[in-house]
Amino acid sequence: MKIRTRFAPSPTGYLHIGGARTALFSWLLARKTGGQFVLRIEDTDQERSTQAAVDAILQSMDWLGLDYDEGPFYQTDRYGRYNQVIQKLLADGHAYYCNCSKELLAQMREQQIQAGVKPRYDRRCRGLNIKPGQSGDCVVRFKTPLDGSVIFNDLIRGPIEIKNTELDDLIIARSDGSPTYNLTVAVDDNDMEISHVVRGEDHISNTPKQIHLLNAIGAQIPRYAHVPMILGEDGKRLSKRHGAVSVLQYREEGYLAEALVNYLVRLGWSAGDKEIFSRNEMIDLFEIENVNKAGSVFNPEKLLWLNQLYIKEGDEQFLANELQTNFTAMGVNTSEGPALTKVIASYKDREKTLKDIAQSSVYLFQEIGTYDEKAIKKCFGEKALQPLQAINSAFTELEDEMWTPEIIKQTILQAAESLNVSMGKIGQPLRVALTGGSSSPSIEITLFLVGRKRTLKRIADAISMIQAQNSL
């Protein structure tokens, strides 16, 4: 059997961590078996679905590297097919029209709650052979079997049984004729020949309904794998306050896709004690049966650690391309300044995210707007004036072709020696003058990246600042 999996997000919001992990597991199952991975956009909720959310889902899948073999398919393009199936279910006696009003249904529900029974439709229209338009608006309900059970062997959780007496005669078409969720999913999974459905455990209650619908249309029943929820560190369902933000926001915050994917694959699945996986290793080792039954706790610090590791070991040109995204988001023009590969080489061992690198190195591409007050107080005292003047004179004598880290460092050492001071007495005020703060890569690398022309200007600005504040 050819394995075909699918990821079917609803574009009523952006793709979040939970959805991304589900997509990853579904993608891995297809790639592991040489199967096919289908992307389906379940956009029948027209009031809440947005094109912005669709675009964000597609961009997220692309950024994460979860390529799909077919799709994206949109359910709103398939209304004709759904209506065809609904009419066939009616004709075959698997469905019926129901004209119960909302008020009647609400009253029915209240009475059942008062009686201490599970609220459900009482099937009063099931045998009435109501015709559409006969009296009031009609919905179409599916005739759920009245006895027996639905039993399916979940690939993660094992056998699951739901008695039919627990199920309702679900609505499969609203009064305006539009199809409902469970009907569209069942039809799509059949038409798209989905063999394995990987989805969140919150869909377990939908599975027996869809199995009944699939049986009614004579379809093959797929295998199901319901992955557990992702939890916050407090043990509650993951929410925005835990870090459940849009996948694309992680990119904006300077995370690498490979780091996020590596983190997600270990969130509920393991292969021994191994922590770091290449994409190929994930595919080779992944087994859907090894996904944990229990919920997994989202640990932002672990993700940050992984991201830092991937930055340290990543290809500098690739990282530079990603860093450009962060600078662009900050409105920083990087055309005048050092190559971003050099920025990466200088900062990748210092920072945990690309956004951190961008923020820490912005002085390389923009003039210093404000100086760190603590750094000014500590390093721009009267005693800093002579060292800065000395190094300014020394740098002025250097030609552009001599502006290398080695010569810069030697020049600073010579100036320090001539003044009989430590290198730090020159290096620290020099760093503040060049960056506006007290933290940067080694001073010779910092000056090299800033460039000779900008260095001389910034030292001159610092000298003027010190002279002004000390009234010298």
Protein backbone atom coordinates (compact mmCIF):
# COMPACT_ATOMS: atom_id res chain seq x y z
CA MET A 1 0.00 0.00 0.00
CA LYS A 2 1.30 3.42 -0.95
CA ILE A 3 1.39 5.56 2.15
CA ARG A 4 -0.21 8.97 1.70
CA THR A 5 -0.38 11.40 4.61
CA ARG A 6 -1.85 14.87 4.83
CA PHE A 7 -1.66 18.05 6.82
CA ALA A 8 -4.93 19.94 6.85
CA PRO A 9 -4.76 23.25 8.73
CA SER A 10 -7.67 25.64 9.02
CA PRO A 11 -6.71 29.21 8.01
CA THR A 12 -8.59 30.80 10.90
CA GLY A 13 -5.23 31.66 12.44
CA TYR A 14 -1.54 31.32 11.82
CA LEU A 15 0.43 28.08 12.02
CA HIS A 16 1.55 27.55 15.62
CA ILE A 17 3.93 25.13 17.31
CA GLY A 18 1.34 22.39 17.78
CA GLY A 19 0.29 22.44 14.15
CA ALA A 20 3.89 22.58 12.98
CA ARG A 21 4.76 19.45 14.97
CA THR A 22 1.73 17.61 13.56
CA ALA A 23 2.79 18.61 10.06
CA LEU A 24 6.33 17.44 10.77
CA PHE A 25 5.25 14.02 12.04
CA SER A 26 2.94 13.57 9.05
CA TRP A 27 5.73 14.67 6.68
CA LEU A 28 8.25 12.32 8.32
CA LEU A 29 5.90 9.35 8.05
CA ALA A 30 5.51 9.96 4.32
CA ARG A 31 9.23 10.52 3.72
CA LYS A 32 10.22 7.53 5.89
CA THR A 33 8.13 5.16 3.79
CA GLY A 34 8.71 6.70 0.38
CA GLY A 35 5.09 7.84 0.41
CA GLN A 36 3.42 11.13 -0.45
CA PHE A 37 2.56 14.14 1.68
CA VAL A 38 -0.52 16.22 0.81
CA LEU A 39 -1.33 19.75 1.96
CA ARG A 40 -5.01 20.60 2.29
CA ILE A 41 -6.39 23.96 3.43
CA GLU A 42 -9.66 23.45 5.30
CA ASP A 43 -11.17 26.86 4.65
CA THR A 44 -14.89 26.18 4.85
CA ASP A 45 -15.25 28.51 7.86
CA GLN A 46 -15.56 31.57 5.64
CA GLU A 47 -16.29 33.97 8.48
CA ARG A 48 -13.00 33.25 10.25
CA SER A 49 -10.71 32.14 7.42
CA THR A 50 -8.40 34.79 5.98
CA GLN A 51 -6.02 34.99 3.05
CA ALA A 52 -3.36 36.33 5.42
CA ALA A 53 -3.58 33.12 7.44
CA VAL A 54 -3.39 31.01 4.27
CA ASP A 55 -0.28 32.90 3.16
CA ALA A 56 1.30 32.50 6.59
CA ILE A 57 0.65 28.75 6.58
CA LEU A 58 2.25 28.35 3.16
CA GLN A 59 5.22 30.52 4.15
CA SER A 60 5.65 28.55 7.38
CA MET A 61 5.66 25.22 5.57
CA ASP A 62 8.20 26.55 3.11
CA TRP A 63 10.45 27.97 5.83
CA LEU A 64 10.32 24.74 7.83
CA GLY A 65 11.24 22.76 4.73
CA LEU A 66 8.09 20.60 4.88
CA ASP A 67 7.64 20.20 1.16
CA TYR A 68 4.41 18.64 -0.04
CA ASP A 69 3.91 16.40 -3.06
CA GLU A 70 0.36 17.53 -3.80
CA GLY A 71 -1.61 20.65 -2.98
CA PRO A 72 -2.42 22.96 -1.53
CA PHE A 73 -6.01 21.86 -2.07
CA TYR A 74 -8.76 24.21 -0.86
CA GLN A 75 -12.03 22.85 0.44
CA THR A 76 -13.93 25.89 -0.85
CA ASP A 77 -13.06 24.68 -4.36
CA ARG A 78 -14.81 21.35 -3.71
CA TYR A 79 -18.32 22.34 -2.67
CA GLY A 80 -19.78 20.67 -5.74
CA ARG A 81 -18.18 17.37 -4.76
CA TYR A 82 -19.42 17.63 -1.17
CA ASN A 83 -22.97 18.33 -2.31
CA GLN A 84 -22.78 15.33 -4.61
CA VAL A 85 -21.85 13.08 -1.66
CA ILE A 86 -24.57 14.60 0.57
CA GLN A 87 -27.21 13.89 -2.05
CA LYS A 88 -25.94 10.32 -2.44
CA LEU A 89 -26.11 9.79 1.33
CA LEU A 90 -29.70 11.05 1.30
CA ALA A 91 -30.62 8.84 -1.63
CA ASP A 92 -29.03 5.77 -0.02
CA GLY A 93 -30.86 6.31 3.27
CA HIS A 94 -27.74 7.26 5.24
CA ALA A 95 -28.92 10.81 5.90
CA TYR A 96 -32.14 12.76 6.42
CA TYR A 97 -33.51 16.29 6.53
CA CYS A 98 -34.15 17.88 9.91
CA ASN A 99 -36.16 21.07 10.40
CA CYS A 100 -35.83 21.42 14.17
CA SER A 101 -35.42 25.08 15.07
CA LYS A 102 -32.55 26.48 17.10
CA GLU A 103 -34.98 27.28 19.87
CA LEU A 104 -36.22 23.70 19.99
CA LEU A 105 -32.68 22.34 20.03
CA ALA A 106 -31.73 24.72 22.84
CA GLN A 107 -34.78 23.61 24.84
CA MET A 108 -33.96 19.96 24.18
CA ARG A 109 -30.39 20.49 25.39
CA GLU A 110 -31.50 22.26 28.57
CA GLN A 111 -33.96 19.49 29.44
CA GLN A 112 -31.27 16.84 28.96
CA ILE A 113 -28.82 18.74 31.16
CA GLN A 114 -31.49 19.07 33.84
CA ALA A 115 -32.12 15.34 33.59
CA GLY A 116 -28.41 14.63 34.00
CA VAL A 117 -27.94 13.00 30.58
CA LYS A 118 -25.43 13.83 27.88
CA PRO A 119 -26.92 16.48 25.56
CA ARG A 120 -27.53 15.23 22.05
CA TYR A 121 -30.13 15.47 19.32
CA ASP A 122 -33.04 13.12 20.07
CA ARG A 123 -33.42 12.06 16.42
CA ARG A 124 -37.08 13.11 16.27
CA CYS A 125 -36.82 13.88 12.54
CA ARG A 126 -34.98 10.68 11.67
CA GLY A 127 -38.04 8.75 10.52
CA LEU A 128 -40.27 11.61 9.33
CA ASN A 129 -39.09 11.70 5.70
CA ILE A 130 -39.05 15.51 5.71
CA LYS A 131 -38.52 17.18 2.34
CA PRO A 132 -36.43 20.35 1.99
CA GLY A 133 -38.58 23.47 2.18
CA GLN A 134 -41.46 21.52 3.69
CA SER A 135 -41.50 23.57 6.87
CA GLY A 136 -38.75 25.95 7.89
CA ASP A 137 -35.05 25.73 7.18
CA CYS A 138 -33.64 22.23 6.98
CA VAL A 139 -30.25 20.82 7.78
CA VAL A 140 -29.05 17.40 6.69
CA ARG A 141 -28.16 14.92 9.43
CA PHE A 142 -26.24 11.66 9.14
CA LYS A 143 -27.89 8.49 10.38
CA THR A 144 -25.42 7.26 12.96
CA PRO A 145 -25.86 3.52 13.69
CA LEU A 146 -27.93 3.08 16.84
CA ASP A 147 -26.02 0.15 18.32
CA GLY A 148 -22.54 -1.34 18.25
CA SER A 149 -19.24 0.46 18.51
CA VAL A 150 -16.53 2.04 16.43
CA ILE A 151 -13.17 0.42 17.13
CA PHE A 152 -9.94 1.58 15.56
CA ASN A 153 -6.32 0.81 16.34
CA ASP A 154 -4.59 4.11 16.89
CA LEU A 155 -0.93 3.90 15.84
CA ILE A 156 0.12 5.82 18.94
CA ARG A 157 -2.53 4.94 21.54
CA GLY A 158 -3.54 1.42 20.56
CA PRO A 159 -7.15 0.21 20.33
CA ILE A 160 -9.83 2.84 20.93
CA GLU A 161 -13.53 1.98 21.18
CA ILE A 162 -16.43 4.45 21.11
CA LYS A 163 -19.97 3.15 21.53
CA ASN A 164 -22.43 4.42 18.95
CA THR A 165 -24.82 5.32 21.72
CA GLU A 166 -22.32 8.05 22.65
CA LEU A 167 -22.60 9.61 19.20
CA ASP A 168 -25.09 12.06 17.74
CA ASP A 169 -26.77 12.24 14.36
CA LEU A 170 -24.31 14.87 13.27
CA ILE A 171 -25.23 17.65 10.86
CA ILE A 172 -23.44 17.17 7.52
CA ALA A 173 -25.03 20.12 5.68
CA ARG A 174 -26.19 23.40 7.18
CA SER A 175 -29.46 25.06 6.31
CA ASP A 176 -27.71 27.12 3.62
CA GLY A 177 -26.45 23.92 2.02
CA SER A 178 -22.83 24.35 3.06
CA PRO A 179 -21.06 21.16 4.21
CA THR A 180 -19.77 20.71 7.75
CA TYR A 181 -16.31 19.79 8.96
CA ASN A 182 -16.62 16.03 9.44
CA LEU A 183 -18.29 15.52 6.06
CA THR A 184 -15.64 17.48 4.16
CA VAL A 185 -12.78 15.70 5.95
CA ALA A 186 -14.18 12.25 5.26
CA VAL A 187 -14.80 13.02 1.59
CA ASP A 188 -11.38 14.60 1.13
CA ASP A 189 -9.51 11.78 2.85
CA ASN A 190 -11.28 9.32 0.58
CA ASP A 191 -10.88 11.28 -2.66
CA MET A 192 -7.23 12.09 -1.93
CA GLU A 193 -6.56 8.43 -1.03
CA ILE A 194 -5.13 9.30 2.37
CA SER A 195 -3.84 6.12 3.99
CA HIS A 196 -2.63 7.59 7.29
CA VAL A 197 -4.12 10.49 9.24
CA VAL A 198 -1.74 12.09 11.74
CA ARG A 199 -3.44 14.77 13.84
CA GLY A 200 -3.88 16.10 17.36
CA GLU A 201 -5.59 14.13 20.10
CA ASP A 202 -8.37 16.71 20.20
CA HIS A 203 -9.66 15.04 17.03
CA ILE A 204 -10.18 11.61 18.63
CA SER A 205 -13.87 12.45 19.13
CA ASN A 206 -14.19 13.19 15.40
CA THR A 207 -12.68 9.88 14.30
CA PRO A 208 -15.72 7.63 14.87
CA LYS A 209 -17.95 10.14 13.08
CA GLN A 210 -15.63 10.18 10.08
CA ILE A 211 -15.29 6.40 10.08
CA HIS A 212 -19.09 6.09 9.90
CA LEU A 213 -19.20 8.56 7.02
CA LEU A 214 -16.39 6.74 5.20
CA ASN A 215 -18.20 3.43 5.64
CA ALA A 216 -21.41 4.98 4.30
CA ILE A 217 -19.71 6.13 1.08
CA GLY A 218 -17.91 2.80 0.69
CA ALA A 219 -14.46 4.21 1.34
CA GLN A 220 -11.27 2.64 2.65
CA ILE A 221 -10.67 3.58 6.30
CA PRO A 222 -7.27 5.21 6.86
CA ARG A 223 -4.99 4.43 9.77
CA TYR A 224 -5.13 7.06 12.52
CA ALA A 225 -2.41 8.43 14.78
CA HIS A 226 -3.46 11.02 17.34
CA VAL A 227 -0.50 12.92 18.77
CA PRO A 228 -0.69 14.28 22.32
CA MET A 229 -0.99 17.92 23.23
CA ILE A 230 1.96 20.18 23.83
CA LEU A 231 1.91 21.55 27.35
CA GLY A 232 3.33 24.63 28.98
CA GLU A 233 5.78 24.27 31.85
CA ASP A 234 2.83 24.61 34.22
CA GLY A 235 1.30 21.44 32.77
CA LYS A 236 -1.54 23.28 31.07
CA ARG A 237 -2.28 23.31 27.36
CA LEU A 238 0.23 25.42 25.46
CA SER A 239 -0.93 28.97 24.87
CA LYS A 240 0.55 32.27 23.76
CA ARG A 241 1.84 32.98 27.25
CA HIS A 242 3.90 29.77 27.03
CA GLY A 243 5.37 30.61 23.63
CA ALA A 244 2.67 29.28 21.29
CA VAL A 245 3.20 32.02 18.78
CA SER A 246 3.11 31.88 15.01
CA VAL A 247 5.86 29.77 13.46
CA LEU A 248 6.91 32.77 11.39
CA GLN A 249 7.37 34.79 14.57
CA TYR A 250 10.16 32.42 15.53
CA ARG A 251 11.87 33.34 12.29
CA GLU A 252 11.35 37.02 13.10
CA GLU A 253 12.88 36.40 16.52
CA GLY A 254 16.00 34.97 14.91
CA TYR A 255 15.45 31.24 15.22
CA LEU A 256 16.63 28.87 12.53
CA ALA A 257 14.15 26.52 10.88
CA GLU A 258 16.42 23.50 11.37
CA ALA A 259 16.72 24.26 15.09
CA LEU A 260 12.95 24.54 15.45
CA VAL A 261 12.35 21.34 13.46
CA ASN A 262 14.98 19.51 15.54
CA TYR A 263 13.28 20.71 18.71
CA LEU A 264 9.80 19.75 17.52
CA VAL A 265 10.78 16.24 16.48
CA ARG A 266 12.03 15.57 20.02
CA LEU A 267 8.85 17.00 21.52
CA GLY A 268 7.08 13.71 22.11
CA TRP A 269 9.30 11.40 20.07
CA SER A 270 12.76 10.01 20.72
CA ALA A 271 15.44 7.76 19.30
CA GLY A 272 17.42 6.76 22.36
CA ASP A 273 19.29 9.63 23.98
CA LYS A 274 20.09 11.34 20.69
CA GLU A 275 19.34 15.08 20.76
CA ILE A 276 20.67 16.48 17.49
CA PHE A 277 19.26 15.20 14.21
CA SER A 278 19.96 16.07 10.62
CA ARG A 279 16.92 16.02 8.36
CA ASN A 280 18.00 12.68 6.89
CA GLU A 281 18.52 11.19 10.35
CA MET A 282 15.01 12.20 11.34
CA ILE A 283 13.60 10.46 8.29
CA ASP A 284 15.67 7.31 8.82
CA LEU A 285 14.90 6.96 12.52
CA PHE A 286 11.31 8.19 12.74
CA GLU A 287 8.61 5.68 13.70
CA ILE A 288 5.11 7.01 14.34
CA GLU A 289 4.54 4.20 16.87
CA ASN A 290 7.33 5.67 19.03
CA VAL A 291 5.50 8.95 19.60
CA ASN A 292 4.63 9.29 23.28
CA LYS A 293 1.04 8.97 24.46
CA ALA A 294 1.49 11.62 27.15
CA GLY A 295 1.68 15.36 26.52
CA SER A 296 5.09 16.95 26.08
CA VAL A 297 6.26 20.08 27.86
CA PHE A 298 7.44 22.98 25.73
CA ASN A 299 10.76 24.27 27.04
CA PRO A 300 11.79 27.64 25.52
CA GLU A 301 15.28 27.41 27.04
CA LYS A 302 15.91 24.07 25.33
CA LEU A 303 14.84 25.54 22.01
CA LEU A 304 17.12 28.53 22.57
CA TRP A 305 20.03 26.20 23.37
CA LEU A 306 19.45 24.27 20.16
CA ASN A 307 19.22 27.45 18.15
CA GLN A 308 22.54 28.69 19.51
CA LEU A 309 24.12 25.35 18.61
CA TYR A 310 22.81 25.51 15.05
CA ILE A 311 24.09 29.08 14.69
CA LYS A 312 27.55 28.09 15.92
CA GLU A 313 27.77 25.18 13.50
CA GLY A 314 25.80 26.61 10.58
CA ASP A 315 26.99 27.57 7.11
CA GLU A 316 27.98 31.22 7.24
CA GLN A 317 26.49 32.15 3.87
CA PHE A 318 23.16 30.55 4.77
CA LEU A 319 23.18 32.29 8.14
CA ALA A 320 24.01 35.59 6.47
CA ASN A 321 20.98 35.23 4.20
CA GLU A 322 18.76 34.60 7.22
CA LEU A 323 20.36 37.48 9.11
CA GLN A 324 19.41 39.79 6.27
CA THR A 325 15.77 38.99 7.03
CA ASN A 326 16.22 40.29 10.57
CA PHE A 327 17.99 43.45 9.45
CA THR A 328 15.26 44.10 6.88
CA ALA A 329 12.62 43.73 9.59
CA MET A 330 14.52 46.30 11.64
CA GLY A 331 14.61 48.70 8.68
CA VAL A 332 18.41 48.55 8.55
CA ASN A 333 20.17 49.00 5.20
CA THR A 334 23.15 46.66 5.10
CA SER A 335 24.44 47.71 1.69
CA GLU A 336 27.04 50.00 3.26
CA GLY A 337 29.00 48.03 5.78
CA PRO A 338 30.82 44.71 6.14
CA ALA A 339 29.67 41.54 4.42
CA LEU A 340 27.09 39.74 6.52
CA THR A 341 29.19 36.58 6.40
CA LYS A 342 31.88 38.48 8.32
CA VAL A 343 29.28 39.64 10.84
CA ILE A 344 28.17 36.04 11.30
CA ALA A 345 31.74 34.83 11.73
CA SER A 346 32.34 37.44 14.42
CA TYR A 347 29.10 36.99 16.35
CA LYS A 348 27.97 33.37 15.98
CA ASP A 349 29.78 32.25 19.13
CA ARG A 350 28.39 35.16 21.14
CA GLU A 351 24.64 35.21 20.54
CA LYS A 352 21.74 32.75 20.73
CA THR A 353 19.54 34.09 17.93
CA LEU A 354 20.03 35.89 14.65
CA LYS A 355 17.92 38.74 15.99
CA ASP A 356 20.39 39.09 18.85
CA ILE A 357 23.20 39.26 16.30
CA ALA A 358 21.36 41.88 14.27
CA GLN A 359 20.65 44.04 17.31
CA SER A 360 24.19 43.69 18.65
CA SER A 361 25.83 44.55 15.33
CA VAL A 362 23.53 47.33 14.10
CA TYR A 363 26.33 49.84 14.80
CA LEU A 364 28.15 48.36 11.79
CA PHE A 365 25.52 49.75 9.43
CA GLN A 366 24.11 52.79 11.20
CA GLU A 367 25.62 55.75 12.97
CA ILE A 368 25.43 55.58 16.74
CA GLY A 369 22.26 57.29 17.88
CA THR A 370 22.62 56.85 21.61
CA TYR A 371 25.41 55.64 23.86
CA ASP A 372 24.94 53.30 26.80
CA GLU A 373 24.91 55.54 29.88
CA LYS A 374 26.75 53.06 32.09
CA ALA A 375 29.45 52.60 29.45
CA ILE A 376 29.83 56.36 29.08
CA LYS A 377 30.15 56.84 32.82
CA LYS A 378 32.71 54.07 33.13
CA CYS A 379 34.82 54.59 30.00
CA PHE A 380 34.49 58.22 28.90
CA GLY A 381 36.11 59.91 31.84
CA GLU A 382 38.91 62.45 31.54
CA LYS A 383 41.54 59.68 31.63
CA ALA A 384 40.19 58.24 28.38
CA LEU A 385 41.01 61.35 26.40
CA GLN A 386 44.76 60.83 25.97
CA PRO A 387 44.50 57.15 24.93
CA LEU A 388 41.81 57.98 22.35
CA GLN A 389 43.83 60.88 20.97
CA ALA A 390 46.92 58.67 20.73
CA ILE A 391 45.15 55.84 18.95
CA ASN A 392 43.39 58.31 16.66
CA SER A 393 46.76 59.66 15.55
CA ALA A 394 48.10 56.15 15.04
CA PHE A 395 45.12 55.05 12.99
CA THR A 396 45.27 58.19 10.87
CA GLU A 397 48.70 57.11 9.66
CA LEU A 398 47.44 53.73 8.48
CA GLU A 399 46.56 53.32 4.80
CA ASP A 400 43.28 51.65 3.84
CA GLU A 401 45.06 48.49 2.66
CA MET A 402 46.66 48.22 6.11
CA TRP A 403 43.27 48.07 7.83
CA THR A 404 43.42 44.42 8.91
CA PRO A 405 42.72 42.87 12.32
CA GLU A 406 46.39 41.98 12.76
CA ILE A 407 47.71 45.48 12.05
CA ILE A 408 44.89 47.09 14.07
CA LYS A 409 45.76 44.99 17.10
CA GLN A 410 49.47 45.71 16.74
CA THR A 411 48.79 49.43 16.45
CA ILE A 412 46.73 49.41 19.66
CA LEU A 413 49.43 47.46 21.49
CA GLN A 414 52.09 49.95 20.38
CA ALA A 415 49.95 52.90 21.47
CA ALA A 416 49.37 51.29 24.86
CA GLU A 417 53.06 50.63 25.25
CA SER A 418 53.97 54.20 24.34
CA LEU A 419 51.53 55.50 26.98
CA ASN A 420 52.63 52.86 29.49
CA VAL A 421 49.05 51.66 30.00
CA SER A 422 47.32 48.32 29.57
CA MET A 423 45.58 47.53 26.31
CA GLY A 424 42.25 47.71 28.13
CA LYS A 425 42.80 51.40 28.92
CA ILE A 426 42.60 52.02 25.18
CA GLY A 427 40.37 49.13 24.16
CA GLN A 428 37.41 49.86 26.42
CA PRO A 429 36.89 53.56 25.57
CA LEU A 430 37.61 52.64 21.96
CA ARG A 431 34.89 49.98 22.03
CA VAL A 432 32.36 52.44 23.45
CA ALA A 433 33.35 55.01 20.83
CA LEU A 434 32.89 52.49 18.01
CA THR A 435 29.75 50.67 19.17
CA GLY A 436 28.00 52.92 21.67
CA GLY A 437 28.24 50.15 24.29
CA SER A 438 30.69 47.98 26.18
CA SER A 439 30.14 44.65 24.43
CA SER A 440 31.36 43.52 21.03
CA PRO A 441 33.74 40.99 19.47
CA SER A 442 37.48 41.46 20.04
CA ILE A 443 38.44 45.09 19.59
CA GLU A 444 40.54 44.49 16.47
CA ILE A 445 37.67 42.60 14.80
CA THR A 446 35.21 45.30 15.84
CA LEU A 447 37.34 48.06 14.32
CA PHE A 448 38.00 46.03 11.19
CA LEU A 449 34.27 45.52 10.63
CA VAL A 450 33.42 49.17 11.29
CA GLY A 451 36.02 50.23 8.71
CA ARG A 452 38.82 52.81 8.84
CA LYS A 453 36.80 55.83 7.73
CA ARG A 454 33.96 55.28 10.21
CA THR A 455 36.42 54.40 12.96
CA LEU A 456 38.27 57.70 12.65
CA LYS A 457 35.00 59.64 12.65
CA ARG A 458 33.64 57.85 15.70
CA ILE A 459 36.86 58.30 17.66
CA ALA A 460 36.78 62.01 16.82
CA ASP A 461 33.15 62.19 17.98
CA ALA A 462 34.08 60.46 21.22
CA ILE A 463 36.99 62.86 21.84
CA SER A 464 34.67 65.81 21.33
CA MET A 465 32.10 64.27 23.71
CA ILE A 466 34.69 63.71 26.42
CA GLN A 467 36.10 67.20 26.02
CA ALA A 468 32.62 68.71 26.24
CA GLN A 469 31.50 66.77 29.29
CA ASN A 470 34.75 67.45 31.12
CA SER A 471 34.92 71.08 29.94
CA LEU A 472 38.44 70.57 28.65
